[in-house]
Amino acid sequence: MYSTYRLKAGELNTNFIKSLKEIFEDREIEIIVHDVEEDETEYLLKNEANKQHLLKAIANVNNNENVVEVPLENLK
């Protein structure tokens, strides 16, 4: 059985541990802890203004509108 729990460290409490014990009973389990870092796009999409700006930019690219092309030799 594989289960993923995502919570903030401050949310850990004895009730959480008790529920794990109830779910897994006497089976051996492995607990792996790692920081969950937000993807940059995920972070930007949380703000409605940023989200609209990004969605508009994606639409512009998909529709080939408001696109600026720069020759590769100009990037040197």
Protein backbone atom coordinates (compact mmCIF):
# COMPACT_ATOMS: atom_id res chain seq x y z
CA MET A 1 0.00 0.00 0.00
CA TYR A 2 1.28 3.46 -0.89
CA SER A 3 -0.12 6.64 0.66
CA THR A 4 1.00 10.24 0.42
CA TYR A 5 0.13 12.78 3.07
CA ARG A 6 0.91 16.43 2.46
CA LEU A 7 0.73 18.79 5.41
CA LYS A 8 2.62 21.55 7.14
CA ALA A 9 5.00 20.54 9.94
CA GLY A 10 2.90 22.52 12.41
CA GLU A 11 -0.10 20.33 11.56
CA LEU A 12 1.61 17.18 12.82
CA ASN A 13 0.03 15.99 16.04
CA THR A 14 -0.71 12.85 18.01
CA ASN A 15 -4.01 12.37 16.15
CA PHE A 16 -2.09 12.05 12.88
CA ILE A 17 0.20 9.41 14.39
CA LYS A 18 -2.79 7.56 15.86
CA SER A 19 -4.52 7.52 12.47
CA LEU A 20 -1.38 6.10 10.82
CA LYS A 21 -1.28 3.36 13.44
CA GLU A 22 -4.95 2.54 12.80
CA ILE A 23 -4.54 2.48 9.03
CA PHE A 24 -1.35 0.40 8.90
CA GLU A 25 -1.88 -1.62 12.10
CA ASP A 26 1.17 -3.79 12.81
CA ARG A 27 2.65 -3.60 9.32
CA GLU A 28 6.12 -2.18 8.86
CA ILE A 29 6.01 1.27 7.26
CA GLU A 30 8.59 3.71 5.95
CA ILE A 31 8.25 7.43 6.56
CA ILE A 32 10.16 9.74 4.22
CA VAL A 33 10.12 13.47 4.87
CA HIS A 34 11.08 16.14 2.33
CA ASP A 35 10.30 19.79 1.76
CA VAL A 36 7.71 20.44 -0.90
CA GLU A 37 8.88 23.30 -3.03
CA GLU A 38 6.40 25.03 -5.24
CA ASP A 39 6.98 25.08 -8.93
CA GLU A 40 7.55 28.68 -10.08
CA THR A 41 4.57 28.54 -12.45
CA GLU A 42 2.38 27.10 -9.68
CA TYR A 43 3.40 30.02 -7.46
CA LEU A 44 2.66 32.61 -10.14
CA LEU A 45 -0.74 31.09 -10.94
CA LYS A 46 -1.92 31.61 -7.35
CA ASN A 47 -2.23 35.35 -7.99
CA GLU A 48 -5.19 36.09 -10.29
CA ALA A 49 -3.46 39.02 -12.06
CA ASN A 50 -0.35 36.92 -12.73
CA LYS A 51 -2.51 34.02 -13.87
CA GLN A 52 -4.38 36.18 -16.39
CA HIS A 53 -1.10 37.67 -17.66
CA LEU A 54 0.45 34.22 -18.15
CA LEU A 55 -2.65 32.82 -19.84
CA LYS A 56 -2.76 35.81 -22.19
CA ALA A 57 0.94 35.35 -23.01
CA ILE A 58 0.34 31.65 -23.77
CA ALA A 59 -2.60 32.57 -26.01
CA ASN A 60 -0.44 35.16 -27.81
CA VAL A 61 2.23 32.56 -28.53
CA ASN A 62 -0.33 29.98 -29.66
CA ASN A 63 -1.94 32.55 -31.98
CA ASN A 64 1.41 34.00 -33.11
CA GLU A 65 0.33 37.45 -31.88
CA ASN A 66 2.51 40.04 -30.11
CA VAL A 67 5.53 37.80 -30.60
CA VAL A 68 8.98 39.34 -30.96
CA GLU A 69 11.46 37.25 -32.89
CA VAL A 70 15.14 37.80 -32.21
CA PRO A 71 17.74 36.32 -34.57
CA LEU A 72 20.13 33.97 -32.77
CA GLU A 73 23.16 35.97 -33.91
CA ASN A 74 21.81 38.96 -31.95
CA LEU A 75 22.01 36.98 -28.72
CA LYS A 76 25.83 36.82 -28.70
